[in-house]
Amino acid sequence: MVVTYTASEMMTVAAARALDNNDICFVGIGLPSAACNLARLTHAPQLTLVYESGTLETKPQVLPLSIGDGELCETALSTVPVPEMFQYWLQGGRITVGFLGGAQVDRYGNLNSTVIGNYARPTVRLPGSGGATEIATGCRRIYIVMRHGARAFVEKLDFLTSLGHGPTGRERRALGLQTEGPTLIVTDLCTMRPNPETNEFEVVTLHPGVSPAQVREHTGWAVRFHRDVEETLPPQPDELSALRDLLQRTARAHGSAATE
């Protein structure tokens, strides 16, 4: 039987596979939430999910529309104040994985979610950091999930909102940060890991049907490929079934407001 799936489903499944039962995950809204809950519903039932609003060990039946969605509080083991979430849990080093995205990412995993264009006179003013700056430095490691395009994967950020490995790949170490920083980028074309020497992200797997030329075309820098690039394992029937059931429940609960 031929299993068909979308690029978005491939991206969500690939991100979910990076999590395991031992992780305590700081979850973002949207695709990161779908990926984390898919992992919890399939191979990592003991995965601990926390959301920025202060919900600990939450197990939503549908994907939340925002961090203030009542579904999170209702299905959480406990709810704590937001200052405690950041000061004790996040900055206290108790979170193993943080999911981030942005409008722009560079070759060293630095992210921009503040402005496109000049800061004083931007083409687009974006929501800004929120908690992303603290997540980027406080979580043990960071997974970045973004759709792949030349306007998003850029040679130079218009503004550095969230620190990856720094503008030259060395700044994180120089600042003395003890957390690993970005260790994975998952897109709708491939997965990427930082080179252990330079911290520049390299393509390590290509999703089925994606060519190196496609990745080069959609990347704003001269992207490098690992010497042993493999094909990403396509979504399996059980993964797709769990993801689609989750999205269908979410659509029924939220109607047209539901998003992946």
C-alpha atoms as a PDB file:
ATOM      1  CA  MET A   1       0.000   0.000   0.000  1.00  0.00           C
ATOM      2  CA  VAL A   2       1.314   3.433  -0.968  1.00  0.00           C
ATOM      3  CA  VAL A   3       1.151   5.891   1.930  1.00  0.00           C
ATOM      4  CA  THR A   4       0.544   9.478   0.847  1.00  0.00           C
ATOM      5  CA  TYR A   5       1.284  12.482   3.018  1.00  0.00           C
ATOM      6  CA  THR A   6       1.856  16.210   2.800  1.00  0.00           C
ATOM      7  CA  ALA A   7       5.079  18.166   3.286  1.00  0.00           C
ATOM      8  CA  SER A   8       3.620  19.572   6.495  1.00  0.00           C
ATOM      9  CA  GLU A   9       2.927  16.071   7.801  1.00  0.00           C
ATOM     10  CA  MET A  10       6.480  15.003   6.935  1.00  0.00           C
ATOM     11  CA  MET A  11       7.864  17.985   8.847  1.00  0.00           C
ATOM     12  CA  THR A  12       5.668  17.364  11.880  1.00  0.00           C
ATOM     13  CA  VAL A  13       6.527  13.662  12.026  1.00  0.00           C
ATOM     14  CA  ALA A  14      10.260  14.328  11.639  1.00  0.00           C
ATOM     15  CA  ALA A  15      10.166  16.831  14.505  1.00  0.00           C
ATOM     16  CA  ALA A  16       8.162  14.454  16.715  1.00  0.00           C
ATOM     17  CA  ARG A  17      10.710  11.670  16.243  1.00  0.00           C
ATOM     18  CA  ALA A  18      13.437  13.827  17.801  1.00  0.00           C
ATOM     19  CA  LEU A  19      11.701  13.590  21.214  1.00  0.00           C
ATOM     20  CA  ASP A  20      11.745  10.727  23.698  1.00  0.00           C
ATOM     21  CA  ASN A  21      10.219   9.712  27.019  1.00  0.00           C
ATOM     22  CA  ASN A  22      12.963  11.399  29.041  1.00  0.00           C
ATOM     23  CA  ASP A  23      12.394  14.863  27.592  1.00  0.00           C
ATOM     24  CA  ILE A  24      10.798  17.793  29.347  1.00  0.00           C
ATOM     25  CA  CYS A  25       9.706  19.965  26.474  1.00  0.00           C
ATOM     26  CA  PHE A  26       8.901  23.682  26.385  1.00  0.00           C
ATOM     27  CA  VAL A  27       6.197  23.711  23.726  1.00  0.00           C
ATOM     28  CA  GLY A  28       5.285  26.458  21.294  1.00  0.00           C
ATOM     29  CA  ILE A  29       1.932  26.945  19.599  1.00  0.00           C
ATOM     30  CA  GLY A  30       1.320  25.684  16.060  1.00  0.00           C
ATOM     31  CA  LEU A  31       3.485  23.065  14.420  1.00  0.00           C
ATOM     32  CA  PRO A  32       5.749  22.541  17.495  1.00  0.00           C
ATOM     33  CA  SER A  33       2.646  21.757  19.560  1.00  0.00           C
ATOM     34  CA  ALA A  34       1.481  19.276  16.926  1.00  0.00           C
ATOM     35  CA  ALA A  35       4.910  17.610  16.860  1.00  0.00           C
ATOM     36  CA  CYS A  36       5.204  17.347  20.645  1.00  0.00           C
ATOM     37  CA  ASN A  37       1.709  15.962  21.095  1.00  0.00           C
ATOM     38  CA  LEU A  38       2.233  13.512  18.240  1.00  0.00           C
ATOM     39  CA  ALA A  39       5.331  12.195  20.022  1.00  0.00           C
ATOM     40  CA  ARG A  40       3.307  11.843  23.253  1.00  0.00           C
ATOM     41  CA  LEU A  41       0.560   9.968  21.427  1.00  0.00           C
ATOM     42  CA  THR A  42       2.935   7.548  19.678  1.00  0.00           C
ATOM     43  CA  HIS A  43       6.470   6.580  20.690  1.00  0.00           C
ATOM     44  CA  ALA A  44       6.971   8.805  23.775  1.00  0.00           C
ATOM     45  CA  PRO A  45       3.938   8.520  26.082  1.00  0.00           C
ATOM     46  CA  GLN A  46       5.995   9.662  29.099  1.00  0.00           C
ATOM     47  CA  LEU A  47       7.104  12.892  27.394  1.00  0.00           C
ATOM     48  CA  THR A  48       6.507  15.869  29.695  1.00  0.00           C
ATOM     49  CA  LEU A  49       5.015  18.935  28.022  1.00  0.00           C
ATOM     50  CA  VAL A  50       5.086  22.414  29.573  1.00  0.00           C
ATOM     51  CA  TYR A  51       3.680  25.565  28.023  1.00  0.00           C
ATOM     52  CA  GLU A  52       4.733  29.166  28.583  1.00  0.00           C
ATOM     53  CA  SER A  53       1.483  29.999  30.377  1.00  0.00           C
ATOM     54  CA  GLY A  54       2.565  27.835  33.316  1.00  0.00           C
ATOM     55  CA  THR A  55       0.936  24.477  32.642  1.00  0.00           C
ATOM     56  CA  LEU A  56       3.024  21.480  33.726  1.00  0.00           C
ATOM     57  CA  GLU A  57       2.715  17.950  32.314  1.00  0.00           C
ATOM     58  CA  THR A  58      -0.258  18.911  30.185  1.00  0.00           C
ATOM     59  CA  LYS A  59      -1.930  16.311  27.959  1.00  0.00           C
ATOM     60  CA  PRO A  60      -4.271  18.178  25.622  1.00  0.00           C
ATOM     61  CA  GLN A  61      -6.837  16.216  23.665  1.00  0.00           C
ATOM     62  CA  VAL A  62      -6.872  18.928  20.989  1.00  0.00           C
ATOM     63  CA  LEU A  63      -4.193  21.398  19.948  1.00  0.00           C
ATOM     64  CA  PRO A  64      -4.433  24.725  21.788  1.00  0.00           C
ATOM     65  CA  LEU A  65      -5.150  27.934  19.883  1.00  0.00           C
ATOM     66  CA  SER A  66      -2.803  29.881  22.168  1.00  0.00           C
ATOM     67  CA  ILE A  67      -0.824  29.454  25.379  1.00  0.00           C
ATOM     68  CA  GLY A  68      -3.912  30.789  27.169  1.00  0.00           C
ATOM     69  CA  ASP A  69      -6.210  28.068  25.827  1.00  0.00           C
ATOM     70  CA  GLY A  70      -8.217  26.477  28.658  1.00  0.00           C
ATOM     71  CA  GLU A  71      -7.461  23.021  27.227  1.00  0.00           C
ATOM     72  CA  LEU A  72      -3.922  23.312  28.590  1.00  0.00           C
ATOM     73  CA  CYS A  73      -4.914  24.131  32.163  1.00  0.00           C
ATOM     74  CA  GLU A  74      -7.708  21.567  32.222  1.00  0.00           C
ATOM     75  CA  THR A  75      -5.414  18.715  31.185  1.00  0.00           C
ATOM     76  CA  ALA A  76      -2.306  19.752  33.165  1.00  0.00           C
ATOM     77  CA  LEU A  77      -0.984  18.062  36.278  1.00  0.00           C
ATOM     78  CA  SER A  78      -0.509  21.528  37.766  1.00  0.00           C
ATOM     79  CA  THR A  79      -0.459  25.186  36.803  1.00  0.00           C
ATOM     80  CA  VAL A  80       2.146  27.608  38.141  1.00  0.00           C
ATOM     81  CA  PRO A  81       2.626  31.381  37.735  1.00  0.00           C
ATOM     82  CA  VAL A  82       4.464  32.482  34.611  1.00  0.00           C
ATOM     83  CA  PRO A  83       7.380  33.976  36.627  1.00  0.00           C
ATOM     84  CA  GLU A  84       7.876  30.569  38.260  1.00  0.00           C
ATOM     85  CA  MET A  85       7.758  28.880  34.850  1.00  0.00           C
ATOM     86  CA  PHE A  86      10.619  31.039  33.632  1.00  0.00           C
ATOM     87  CA  GLN A  87      12.703  31.556  36.763  1.00  0.00           C
ATOM     88  CA  TYR A  88      12.454  28.080  38.312  1.00  0.00           C
ATOM     89  CA  TRP A  89      11.747  25.727  35.428  1.00  0.00           C
ATOM     90  CA  LEU A  90      13.345  27.354  32.395  1.00  0.00           C
ATOM     91  CA  GLN A  91      16.199  29.431  33.811  1.00  0.00           C
ATOM     92  CA  GLY A  92      16.731  26.805  36.487  1.00  0.00           C
ATOM     93  CA  GLY A  93      17.871  24.365  33.796  1.00  0.00           C
ATOM     94  CA  ARG A  94      14.976  21.927  34.173  1.00  0.00           C
ATOM     95  CA  ILE A  95      13.842  21.922  30.516  1.00  0.00           C
ATOM     96  CA  THR A  96      15.602  19.565  28.107  1.00  0.00           C
ATOM     97  CA  VAL A  97      14.107  20.727  24.779  1.00  0.00           C
ATOM     98  CA  GLY A  98      12.684  23.991  23.527  1.00  0.00           C
ATOM     99  CA  PHE A  99      10.973  24.357  20.153  1.00  0.00           C
ATOM    100  CA  LEU A 100      11.449  27.644  18.297  1.00  0.00           C
ATOM    101  CA  GLY A 101      10.723  29.138  14.905  1.00  0.00           C
ATOM    102  CA  GLY A 102      10.915  32.583  13.404  1.00  0.00           C
ATOM    103  CA  ALA A 103      10.688  34.730  10.317  1.00  0.00           C
ATOM    104  CA  GLN A 104      14.397  34.248   9.591  1.00  0.00           C
ATOM    105  CA  VAL A 105      17.136  31.801  10.543  1.00  0.00           C
ATOM    106  CA  ASP A 106      20.797  31.875   9.556  1.00  0.00           C
ATOM    107  CA  ARG A 107      23.401  29.154   9.087  1.00  0.00           C
ATOM    108  CA  TYR A 108      24.261  29.160  12.810  1.00  0.00           C
ATOM    109  CA  GLY A 109      20.707  28.785  14.086  1.00  0.00           C
ATOM    110  CA  ASN A 110      20.219  32.416  15.116  1.00  0.00           C
ATOM    111  CA  LEU A 111      16.594  33.546  14.798  1.00  0.00           C
ATOM    112  CA  ASN A 112      14.759  36.747  13.953  1.00  0.00           C
ATOM    113  CA  SER A 113      11.160  37.257  15.047  1.00  0.00           C
ATOM    114  CA  THR A 114      11.329  41.049  15.485  1.00  0.00           C
ATOM    115  CA  VAL A 115      11.477  42.954  12.161  1.00  0.00           C
ATOM    116  CA  ILE A 116      12.051  42.492   8.446  1.00  0.00           C
ATOM    117  CA  GLY A 117      14.164  45.331   7.099  1.00  0.00           C
ATOM    118  CA  ASN A 118      15.732  48.196   8.994  1.00  0.00           C
ATOM    119  CA  TYR A 119      14.761  48.221  12.676  1.00  0.00           C
ATOM    120  CA  ALA A 120      13.817  51.919  12.691  1.00  0.00           C
ATOM    121  CA  ARG A 121      11.847  51.716   9.424  1.00  0.00           C
ATOM    122  CA  PRO A 122      10.999  48.027   8.925  1.00  0.00           C
ATOM    123  CA  THR A 123       9.163  46.520   6.004  1.00  0.00           C
ATOM    124  CA  VAL A 124       7.342  44.274   8.473  1.00  0.00           C
ATOM    125  CA  ARG A 125       7.221  44.556  12.254  1.00  0.00           C
ATOM    126  CA  LEU A 126       6.837  41.104  13.791  1.00  0.00           C
ATOM    127  CA  PRO A 127       5.555  40.005  17.231  1.00  0.00           C
ATOM    128  CA  GLY A 128       9.042  40.065  18.764  1.00  0.00           C
ATOM    129  CA  SER A 129      10.691  37.746  21.236  1.00  0.00           C
ATOM    130  CA  GLY A 130       8.025  36.844  23.753  1.00  0.00           C
ATOM    131  CA  GLY A 131       9.827  34.154  25.729  1.00  0.00           C
ATOM    132  CA  ALA A 132      11.985  33.022  22.811  1.00  0.00           C
ATOM    133  CA  THR A 133      15.140  34.786  23.973  1.00  0.00           C
ATOM    134  CA  GLU A 134      15.056  32.999  27.333  1.00  0.00           C
ATOM    135  CA  ILE A 135      14.031  29.685  25.744  1.00  0.00           C
ATOM    136  CA  ALA A 136      16.995  29.898  23.354  1.00  0.00           C
ATOM    137  CA  THR A 137      19.471  30.203  26.200  1.00  0.00           C
ATOM    138  CA  GLY A 138      17.740  28.347  29.049  1.00  0.00           C
ATOM    139  CA  CYS A 139      16.706  25.029  27.477  1.00  0.00           C
ATOM    140  CA  ARG A 140      19.335  22.319  27.315  1.00  0.00           C
ATOM    141  CA  ARG A 141      18.925  22.139  23.529  1.00  0.00           C
ATOM    142  CA  ILE A 142      16.786  23.839  20.901  1.00  0.00           C
ATOM    143  CA  TYR A 143      14.922  22.353  17.946  1.00  0.00           C
ATOM    144  CA  ILE A 144      13.974  24.808  15.196  1.00  0.00           C
ATOM    145  CA  VAL A 145      10.961  24.004  13.020  1.00  0.00           C
ATOM    146  CA  MET A 146      10.381  26.211   9.961  1.00  0.00           C
ATOM    147  CA  ARG A 147       9.186  25.952   6.388  1.00  0.00           C
ATOM    148  CA  HIS A 148      12.130  26.142   4.011  1.00  0.00           C
ATOM    149  CA  GLY A 149      12.414  29.229   1.791  1.00  0.00           C
ATOM    150  CA  ALA A 150      15.113  31.669   0.704  1.00  0.00           C
ATOM    151  CA  ARG A 151      13.365  34.572   2.477  1.00  0.00           C
ATOM    152  CA  ALA A 152      13.430  32.640   5.760  1.00  0.00           C
ATOM    153  CA  PHE A 153      16.809  30.861   5.478  1.00  0.00           C
ATOM    154  CA  VAL A 154      18.985  33.929   5.053  1.00  0.00           C
ATOM    155  CA  GLU A 155      22.654  34.828   4.777  1.00  0.00           C
ATOM    156  CA  LYS A 156      22.275  37.572   7.406  1.00  0.00           C
ATOM    157  CA  LEU A 157      19.419  38.241   9.822  1.00  0.00           C
ATOM    158  CA  ASP A 158      17.727  41.636   9.707  1.00  0.00           C
ATOM    159  CA  PHE A 159      17.621  41.467  13.520  1.00  0.00           C
ATOM    160  CA  LEU A 160      18.922  38.912  16.010  1.00  0.00           C
ATOM    161  CA  THR A 161      16.077  38.072  18.389  1.00  0.00           C
ATOM    162  CA  SER A 162      17.087  34.644  19.717  1.00  0.00           C
ATOM    163  CA  LEU A 163      20.690  33.527  20.013  1.00  0.00           C
ATOM    164  CA  GLY A 164      21.688  30.316  18.283  1.00  0.00           C
ATOM    165  CA  HIS A 165      25.434  29.809  18.075  1.00  0.00           C
ATOM    166  CA  GLY A 166      26.069  33.492  17.330  1.00  0.00           C
ATOM    167  CA  PRO A 167      26.848  35.452  14.140  1.00  0.00           C
ATOM    168  CA  THR A 168      30.107  33.548  13.586  1.00  0.00           C
ATOM    169  CA  GLY A 169      29.124  30.298  15.321  1.00  0.00           C
ATOM    170  CA  ARG A 170      31.439  30.965  18.278  1.00  0.00           C
ATOM    171  CA  GLU A 171      29.640  33.561  20.377  1.00  0.00           C
ATOM    172  CA  ARG A 172      27.559  31.144  22.430  1.00  0.00           C
ATOM    173  CA  ARG A 173      30.666  29.425  23.721  1.00  0.00           C
ATOM    174  CA  ALA A 174      32.414  32.759  24.263  1.00  0.00           C
ATOM    175  CA  LEU A 175      29.530  34.002  26.404  1.00  0.00           C
ATOM    176  CA  GLY A 176      29.922  30.974  28.641  1.00  0.00           C
ATOM    177  CA  LEU A 177      26.429  29.577  28.107  1.00  0.00           C
ATOM    178  CA  GLN A 178      26.235  26.018  29.402  1.00  0.00           C
ATOM    179  CA  THR A 179      23.259  24.961  27.274  1.00  0.00           C
ATOM    180  CA  GLU A 180      23.840  23.356  23.863  1.00  0.00           C
ATOM    181  CA  GLY A 181      21.778  25.749  21.781  1.00  0.00           C
ATOM    182  CA  PRO A 182      20.219  24.690  18.466  1.00  0.00           C
ATOM    183  CA  THR A 183      20.968  21.051  17.645  1.00  0.00           C
ATOM    184  CA  LEU A 184      18.320  20.384  14.980  1.00  0.00           C
ATOM    185  CA  ILE A 185      16.460  22.221  12.233  1.00  0.00           C
ATOM    186  CA  VAL A 186      13.454  20.471  10.700  1.00  0.00           C
ATOM    187  CA  THR A 187      11.917  21.872   7.519  1.00  0.00           C
ATOM    188  CA  ASP A 188       9.506  20.685   4.866  1.00  0.00           C
ATOM    189  CA  LEU A 189      12.515  19.725   2.697  1.00  0.00           C
ATOM    190  CA  CYS A 190      15.138  18.268   5.029  1.00  0.00           C
ATOM    191  CA  THR A 191      16.647  18.012   8.490  1.00  0.00           C
ATOM    192  CA  MET A 192      19.855  19.803   9.470  1.00  0.00           C
ATOM    193  CA  ARG A 193      22.417  19.457  12.257  1.00  0.00           C
ATOM    194  CA  PRO A 194      25.292  21.770  13.260  1.00  0.00           C
ATOM    195  CA  ASN A 195      28.800  20.837  12.204  1.00  0.00           C
ATOM    196  CA  PRO A 196      30.615  19.879  15.446  1.00  0.00           C
ATOM    197  CA  GLU A 197      33.596  22.103  14.603  1.00  0.00           C
ATOM    198  CA  THR A 198      31.975  25.219  13.111  1.00  0.00           C
ATOM    199  CA  ASN A 199      28.356  25.014  14.359  1.00  0.00           C
ATOM    200  CA  GLU A 200      27.187  25.748  10.800  1.00  0.00           C
ATOM    201  CA  PHE A 201      24.036  23.800  10.030  1.00  0.00           C
ATOM    202  CA  GLU A 202      24.427  21.077   7.392  1.00  0.00           C
ATOM    203  CA  VAL A 203      21.795  18.964   5.684  1.00  0.00           C
ATOM    204  CA  VAL A 204      21.827  15.458   7.182  1.00  0.00           C
ATOM    205  CA  THR A 205      18.644  13.993   5.675  1.00  0.00           C
ATOM    206  CA  LEU A 206      16.552  14.845   2.633  1.00  0.00           C
ATOM    207  CA  HIS A 207      12.840  14.142   2.751  1.00  0.00           C
ATOM    208  CA  PRO A 208      11.638  11.613   0.159  1.00  0.00           C
ATOM    209  CA  GLY A 209      11.499  13.126  -3.308  1.00  0.00           C
ATOM    210  CA  VAL A 210      13.558  16.210  -2.380  1.00  0.00           C
ATOM    211  CA  SER A 211      16.814  16.841  -4.255  1.00  0.00           C
ATOM    212  CA  PRO A 212      19.926  18.720  -3.073  1.00  0.00           C
ATOM    213  CA  ALA A 213      19.231  21.277  -5.802  1.00  0.00           C
ATOM    214  CA  GLN A 214      15.837  22.068  -4.252  1.00  0.00           C
ATOM    215  CA  VAL A 215      17.421  22.717  -0.869  1.00  0.00           C
ATOM    216  CA  ARG A 216      20.089  24.953  -2.425  1.00  0.00           C
ATOM    217  CA  GLU A 217      17.419  26.897  -4.327  1.00  0.00           C
ATOM    218  CA  HIS A 218      15.444  27.570  -1.150  1.00  0.00           C
ATOM    219  CA  THR A 219      18.401  28.488   1.089  1.00  0.00           C
ATOM    220  CA  GLY A 220      19.839  32.004   1.184  1.00  0.00           C
ATOM    221  CA  TRP A 221      23.383  30.874   1.964  1.00  0.00           C
ATOM    222  CA  ALA A 222      25.698  28.346   0.293  1.00  0.00           C
ATOM    223  CA  VAL A 223      24.254  25.437   2.234  1.00  0.00           C
ATOM    224  CA  ARG A 224      26.526  22.509   3.043  1.00  0.00           C
ATOM    225  CA  PHE A 225      25.599  18.831   3.032  1.00  0.00           C
ATOM    226  CA  HIS A 226      26.888  16.183   5.410  1.00  0.00           C
ATOM    227  CA  ARG A 227      29.165  13.688   3.700  1.00  0.00           C
ATOM    228  CA  ASP A 228      26.634  10.904   4.356  1.00  0.00           C
ATOM    229  CA  VAL A 229      23.253  12.466   3.624  1.00  0.00           C
ATOM    230  CA  GLU A 230      20.429   9.960   4.089  1.00  0.00           C
ATOM    231  CA  GLU A 231      16.754   9.946   3.147  1.00  0.00           C
ATOM    232  CA  THR A 232      14.355  10.843   5.941  1.00  0.00           C
ATOM    233  CA  LEU A 233      12.184   7.883   6.856  1.00  0.00           C
ATOM    234  CA  PRO A 234       8.743   8.716   5.455  1.00  0.00           C
ATOM    235  CA  PRO A 235       5.783   8.958   7.847  1.00  0.00           C
ATOM    236  CA  GLN A 236       4.539   5.553   8.917  1.00  0.00           C
ATOM    237  CA  PRO A 237       0.829   4.626   8.962  1.00  0.00           C
ATOM    238  CA  ASP A 238       0.562   4.777  12.750  1.00  0.00           C
ATOM    239  CA  GLU A 239       2.220   8.211  12.851  1.00  0.00           C
ATOM    240  CA  LEU A 240      -0.068   9.598  10.159  1.00  0.00           C
ATOM    241  CA  SER A 241      -3.148   8.107  11.786  1.00  0.00           C
ATOM    242  CA  ALA A 242      -2.328   9.644  15.173  1.00  0.00           C
ATOM    243  CA  LEU A 243      -1.498  13.029  13.649  1.00  0.00           C
ATOM    244  CA  ARG A 244      -4.593  13.175  11.472  1.00  0.00           C
ATOM    245  CA  ASP A 245      -6.842  12.121  14.346  1.00  0.00           C
ATOM    246  CA  LEU A 246      -5.338  14.892  16.478  1.00  0.00           C
ATOM    247  CA  LEU A 247      -5.864  17.495  13.752  1.00  0.00           C
ATOM    248  CA  GLN A 248      -9.429  16.312  13.111  1.00  0.00           C
ATOM    249  CA  ARG A 249     -10.287  16.551  16.817  1.00  0.00           C
ATOM    250  CA  THR A 250      -8.786  20.034  16.846  1.00  0.00           C
ATOM    251  CA  ALA A 251     -10.796  21.082  13.785  1.00  0.00           C
ATOM    252  CA  ARG A 252     -14.020  19.824  15.370  1.00  0.00           C
ATOM    253  CA  ALA A 253     -13.262  21.678  18.600  1.00  0.00           C
ATOM    254  CA  HIS A 254     -12.087  24.966  17.124  1.00  0.00           C
ATOM    255  CA  GLY A 255     -13.656  25.097  13.670  1.00  0.00           C
ATOM    256  CA  SER A 256     -12.113  27.588  11.253  1.00  0.00           C
ATOM    257  CA  ALA A 257      -9.809  28.940  13.978  1.00  0.00           C
ATOM    258  CA  ALA A 258      -7.888  25.645  14.163  1.00  0.00           C
ATOM    259  CA  THR A 259      -4.356  25.637  12.751  1.00  0.00           C
ATOM    260  CA  GLU A 260      -1.653  22.975  12.467  1.00  0.00           C
END
